[in-house]
Amino acid sequence: LEDPIGRTIPPLATPQVAVAQGKPAAQPPKPWSGSVEAAASLYQGNTDQRALFTKTELGRADSTVQLRGSLSFGYADAARDSLPRNVTKRTWLGTLNLDYHPYEHLSPFMFVNYEASYEKRVLDRVGVGVGGKAVLFQSGATEANVSLAMLAERLRPTALSPDTATVSAARWSGRARFKHQFDARLKL
């Protein structure tokens, strides 16, 4: 641009392209998570022992519902001298948990537990419960909460148990929990 005398007039505004710089937008957490574990041990000495443990977990979480389930199995047997091998452990454990609004300060939940154990002489134990969790303190790396639940349980002992009567019971359960993440690898 020039004025009538021929001098250049600087523009009042210059269009510029703005380029965003900095960190990329954080990815939302994946709704599904899971894990599988397996372990085996062999012991030799006075008594030869074999042990096997497996566990699998699967979960899904969003702001409305958190669902978690796990199933584990443990087995062990032992042999001594010329005696035949005997089972010393055979345990199945299963859990299913459902939390409604898991990231709120007040959150109701329900759960189901299952156990079958040779060494405890439990044919099966089934528990069903409902409760609520209150978050007392929460920051980026720290959380403190308390929960209260009501549990109804039925226990059927095996025929090897001294008392083979089925037992049903209801009980209250309370828990206080504190978590702190020190760094990427250390959590209390």
Protein backbone atom coordinates (compact mmCIF):
# COMPACT_ATOMS: atom_id res chain seq x y z
CA LEU A 1 0.00 0.00 0.00
CA GLU A 2 1.16 3.54 -0.81
CA ASP A 3 -0.12 6.97 0.23
CA PRO A 4 -0.77 9.75 -2.35
CA ILE A 5 2.86 10.92 -2.08
CA GLY A 6 4.26 7.41 -2.75
CA ARG A 7 5.30 6.37 0.72
CA THR A 8 4.68 2.77 1.82
CA ILE A 9 2.05 2.40 4.51
CA PRO A 10 2.50 -0.62 6.78
CA PRO A 11 -0.63 -2.74 7.13
CA LEU A 12 -2.54 -2.54 10.40
CA ALA A 13 -2.96 -6.29 10.66
CA THR A 14 -1.06 -9.13 9.11
CA PRO A 15 -2.78 -12.49 8.80
CA GLN A 16 -0.73 -15.27 10.37
CA VAL A 17 -1.19 -18.99 10.55
CA ALA A 18 -1.18 -20.18 14.14
CA VAL A 19 0.52 -23.50 14.71
CA ALA A 20 -0.37 -25.30 17.90
CA GLN A 21 2.67 -26.52 19.76
CA GLY A 22 3.04 -28.47 22.93
CA LYS A 23 1.89 -31.89 24.05
CA PRO A 24 -0.51 -33.93 21.94
CA ALA A 25 -3.99 -34.44 23.38
CA ALA A 26 -4.11 -37.20 25.97
CA GLN A 27 -5.61 -40.45 24.75
CA PRO A 28 -8.73 -41.56 26.64
CA PRO A 29 -8.14 -44.65 28.77
CA LYS A 30 -8.91 -47.93 27.08
CA PRO A 31 -12.25 -49.26 28.34
CA TRP A 32 -11.13 -52.92 28.43
CA SER A 33 -8.23 -54.30 30.45
CA GLY A 34 -7.09 -57.79 31.29
CA SER A 35 -4.24 -59.98 32.39
CA VAL A 36 -3.21 -63.62 32.48
CA GLU A 37 -0.73 -65.14 34.95
CA ALA A 38 0.75 -68.59 35.18
CA ALA A 39 3.35 -70.07 37.51
CA ALA A 40 4.76 -73.52 38.18
CA SER A 41 7.16 -74.80 40.83
CA LEU A 42 8.97 -78.09 41.35
CA TYR A 43 10.49 -78.95 44.72
CA GLN A 44 12.75 -81.92 45.38
CA GLY A 45 14.06 -83.20 48.64
CA ASN A 46 12.53 -85.31 51.36
CA THR A 47 9.18 -84.77 49.63
CA ASP A 48 8.86 -84.14 45.89
CA GLN A 49 6.25 -81.46 45.23
CA ARG A 50 4.71 -79.90 42.12
CA ALA A 51 2.63 -76.72 42.17
CA LEU A 52 0.73 -74.84 39.46
CA PHE A 53 -1.10 -71.51 39.67
CA THR A 54 -3.08 -69.63 37.00
CA LYS A 55 -5.10 -66.44 37.14
CA THR A 56 -6.98 -64.41 34.57
CA GLU A 57 -8.65 -61.02 34.98
CA LEU A 58 -10.87 -59.01 32.68
CA GLY A 59 -12.41 -55.62 33.26
CA ARG A 60 -14.26 -52.81 31.57
CA ALA A 61 -14.62 -49.30 32.94
CA ASP A 62 -16.16 -46.01 31.91
CA SER A 63 -17.66 -43.14 33.89
CA THR A 64 -20.97 -44.98 34.42
CA VAL A 65 -20.05 -48.62 35.13
CA GLN A 66 -16.95 -50.56 36.10
CA LEU A 67 -17.12 -54.35 35.67
CA ARG A 68 -14.28 -56.64 36.81
CA GLY A 69 -14.00 -60.39 36.89
CA SER A 70 -11.26 -62.81 37.84
CA LEU A 71 -10.78 -66.55 37.90
CA SER A 72 -7.84 -68.40 39.44
CA PHE A 73 -6.85 -72.02 39.89
CA GLY A 74 -4.17 -73.52 42.10
CA TYR A 75 -3.03 -77.14 42.16
CA ALA A 76 -0.29 -78.99 44.04
CA ASP A 77 0.64 -82.58 44.73
CA ALA A 78 3.41 -84.34 46.59
CA ALA A 79 5.12 -87.73 46.73
CA ARG A 80 7.30 -89.11 49.50
CA ASP A 81 9.65 -92.07 49.17
CA SER A 82 7.77 -94.91 47.49
CA LEU A 83 4.30 -93.68 48.45
CA PRO A 84 1.97 -92.64 45.61
CA ARG A 85 1.55 -88.99 44.73
CA ASN A 86 -1.22 -87.19 46.72
CA VAL A 87 -3.09 -83.99 45.91
CA THR A 88 -2.29 -81.33 48.53
CA LYS A 89 -3.99 -78.32 46.96
CA ARG A 90 -6.78 -77.77 44.45
CA THR A 91 -8.48 -74.39 44.68
CA TRP A 92 -10.78 -72.45 42.37
CA LEU A 93 -11.50 -68.77 43.13
CA GLY A 94 -13.78 -66.52 41.11
CA THR A 95 -15.01 -62.96 41.57
CA LEU A 96 -17.31 -60.60 39.71
CA ASN A 97 -17.62 -56.93 40.74
CA LEU A 98 -19.88 -54.19 39.41
CA ASP A 99 -19.42 -50.55 40.48
CA TYR A 100 -21.93 -47.87 39.50
CA HIS A 101 -20.33 -44.44 38.88
CA PRO A 102 -16.89 -45.71 39.99
CA TYR A 103 -15.15 -42.31 39.74
CA GLU A 104 -17.66 -40.36 41.84
CA HIS A 105 -17.11 -39.55 45.52
CA LEU A 106 -20.01 -41.84 46.50
CA SER A 107 -20.29 -45.09 44.56
CA PRO A 108 -22.57 -48.12 45.12
CA PHE A 109 -21.28 -51.58 44.19
CA MET A 110 -22.24 -55.25 44.14
CA PHE A 111 -20.14 -58.41 44.00
CA VAL A 112 -20.23 -62.19 43.74
CA ASN A 113 -17.48 -64.50 45.07
CA TYR A 114 -16.96 -68.22 44.46
CA GLU A 115 -14.51 -70.63 46.10
CA ALA A 116 -13.92 -74.37 45.95
CA SER A 117 -10.98 -75.72 47.92
CA TYR A 118 -9.73 -79.26 48.45
CA GLU A 119 -7.27 -78.34 51.22
CA LYS A 120 -9.89 -76.29 53.14
CA ARG A 121 -12.46 -79.06 52.61
CA VAL A 122 -14.86 -76.63 50.93
CA LEU A 123 -17.04 -78.11 48.19
CA ASP A 124 -18.18 -74.60 47.31
CA ARG A 125 -18.63 -71.21 48.95
CA VAL A 126 -20.77 -68.59 47.23
CA GLY A 127 -21.11 -65.03 48.47
CA VAL A 128 -23.23 -62.14 47.17
CA GLY A 129 -23.00 -58.61 48.47
CA VAL A 130 -23.93 -54.97 48.03
CA GLY A 131 -22.34 -51.87 49.46
CA GLY A 132 -21.07 -48.37 48.96
CA LYS A 133 -17.73 -46.60 48.76
CA ALA A 134 -16.97 -43.03 49.87
CA VAL A 135 -13.80 -41.30 48.64
CA LEU A 136 -12.46 -39.16 51.49
CA PHE A 137 -9.46 -37.66 49.69
CA GLN A 138 -8.30 -37.77 46.10
CA SER A 139 -5.45 -36.05 44.29
CA GLY A 140 -3.41 -36.98 41.24
CA ALA A 141 -1.32 -39.64 43.00
CA THR A 142 -3.16 -40.26 46.28
CA GLU A 143 -6.57 -41.62 47.24
CA ALA A 144 -8.15 -42.52 50.57
CA ASN A 145 -11.56 -44.20 50.74
CA VAL A 146 -13.81 -46.24 53.00
CA SER A 147 -16.45 -48.78 52.08
CA LEU A 148 -19.22 -50.65 53.87
CA ALA A 149 -20.93 -53.77 52.50
CA MET A 150 -23.45 -56.45 53.43
CA LEU A 151 -22.55 -60.02 52.42
CA ALA A 152 -24.72 -63.15 52.29
CA GLU A 153 -22.79 -66.40 52.03
CA ARG A 154 -23.47 -70.12 51.67
CA LEU A 155 -20.80 -72.73 52.46
CA ARG A 156 -21.05 -76.43 51.58
CA PRO A 157 -18.25 -78.52 53.08
CA THR A 158 -16.91 -81.66 51.41
CA ALA A 159 -17.65 -85.16 52.72
CA LEU A 160 -14.13 -85.17 54.25
CA SER A 161 -14.97 -82.25 56.55
CA PRO A 162 -15.70 -83.02 60.24
CA ASP A 163 -18.95 -81.05 59.97
CA THR A 164 -20.77 -81.62 56.66
CA ALA A 165 -23.74 -79.32 57.31
CA THR A 166 -24.33 -76.47 54.88
CA VAL A 167 -23.82 -73.10 56.56
CA SER A 168 -25.51 -69.86 55.50
CA ALA A 169 -24.61 -66.55 57.07
CA ALA A 170 -24.92 -62.82 56.58
CA ARG A 171 -22.33 -60.31 57.77
CA TRP A 172 -21.21 -56.72 57.50
CA SER A 173 -17.83 -55.79 56.12
CA GLY A 174 -15.97 -52.50 56.36
CA ARG A 175 -12.72 -51.46 54.72
CA ALA A 176 -10.45 -48.44 54.71
CA ARG A 177 -8.01 -48.08 51.82
CA PHE A 178 -5.11 -45.72 51.12
CA LYS A 179 -3.28 -45.66 47.78
CA HIS A 180 -0.32 -43.56 46.69
CA GLN A 181 1.60 -43.66 43.39
CA PHE A 182 5.22 -42.62 44.08
CA ASP A 183 6.39 -42.99 40.48
CA ALA A 184 5.62 -45.07 37.38
CA ARG A 185 6.82 -48.29 39.06
CA LEU A 186 6.26 -47.82 42.80
CA LYS A 187 2.75 -47.86 44.24
CA LEU A 188 1.68 -48.18 47.90
